[in-house]
Amino acid sequence: MTKLHTLRLTCAATALFAAGTASADEVSFLCYQNGNECDVLAELAAGFEAESGHTVAMEVVGYEIVRDQLENQLQTDAAPDVARVTNLGGLNQYYLDLTPYVDADYMEASYGAVLPWYRAPGGEDTGIYGWPTELTVTGPYVNVTMFDDAGVEMPGAGATWDDWAAALSEVQETLGMDAALAMDRTAHRWAGPAFSYGAAFFNDAGEPILVDEGFRNYAETFVGWHESGLMPADGWPAGTGTNYRNAAPLFLDGSVAMHMSGSWMIGNYAENITNFEWRAVPAPCGPGGCGAMPGGAGIVAFESTDVPDAAAAWIEFLAREENAATFAAATRSITAHQGLQASGVDYGDTDPAVAAALSTFAASIGEAANSTPQAFTFQGYAKNFVIYGVVPDYITQVITGEMTMEDALAAIDADVAAQIAE
């Protein structure tokens, strides 16, 4: 495996005796970061090492390593003891159940809303499998300067996708732009607006149905945005198959006035946008609610570990309220700790735009929980990766004229059903 860089975190031998532990183990930890997450975890690891006598051997890699190679490692003897992951339910078969090793009552009280995302499907699994490092949620960013320059008023809270499309079209026409709205090429970003249009994604039995009236209405609207030129040709139409395309460059260079992305982009935009004012805005609404796709990363231990006590102790240490607060403040992220959600996290002297974005996205999570609960079902669904791949493939073919909408919708349902049955 190609390493971006490796951090070896060790403690002096005296710490072992000070901690009074009978034995000390090394925990191998595979970590990826979008910003400074692993750096912050390294600082927390120093406290864990001093307290426990264990050591944490952290390997920091690119996200694509975790996404594309970790499961292969888990099928061999090359797996780490602990890793930071995003395919929460999809890797459940490999997880170590932490229940015997940690304070289960504390974990349920503090993180109970998202612990089901890590569990096996079916509802019978009650295990505790990891610490949710942070919550993420999809939502749009807007170029406020463009709206001001065009003299167009931005829609407010509760505005619909139709309201935003009309306002963006006015900005586009006034400023002579080629496009105004960009979205990352993935069904993860696509899902939130689809929920807003009423797509259920699952039937009452919890089985994916995808193509219903709401799904169809949004698919037709989305294709229409491309046909009208509201969305760019170098976005979704430029990708093929299941390929992911990040639309952030289009927003950063001023090619579009809105980027449908998510809370993980806050740090990037705060650091790299210097020539215009940006803002995160509430998830637009529709007949189905104000849809946003929640998610996040978590730190899990694997059954294959030779040091389950130490691995579980590292995770339990991170899950403490004070350490969760430290992580959220230092990474400028939305905490999954329910107590901290109620009391608030002190982000210190955070840039006002960042603080406002964090508040906006945190509110979107609550709104989604109330109005589009299928989003939480989708996040915890063990085979959601199938849907993530299938939807962009066929919808793009409609945009490019390779398929009719009817054929594409039929193919989506058939393809998802076939892959889930495998």
Foldseek 3Di string as FASTA:
>chain_A
DDAPDWDWWADDQVLQVVLVDPDEEEFEEEEEDPPCLVVLLSVLQNVVCSNHVYTYTYTYHHLCCQVPPQVVCLVDVNHGQKYKHFLQCQCLVFFDQLVVQADVVQCCQFQVVQQLLNHHPDPPDPTGFFFFLFKKKWFKKFFVVLCVVLVFDQDAPQAAPVSRLVSQVSSCVSVVAQAAEAEKLWVQLVVQNLLQLPQQQADPVLHGQQDDPSNLVSLVVVLVCVVVRNYDCCGLLVDAFLDIDQCVVCVQVVNHGMYTGMLSCLVVCVPRRDPTDMATHAQHHHPQFRGMAMTGMTMGGGPSDPCSNSSSSSRNSCNDPVNSLSSCLVSVGHGSTPVCLVVDRPNDPDDPRSVRRRVRRSVNVVRCVPRPVSSSSLSSDNVNVQLRRLVSNLSSCCSVVNDPSVVSVVCSSVSSVVVVVD
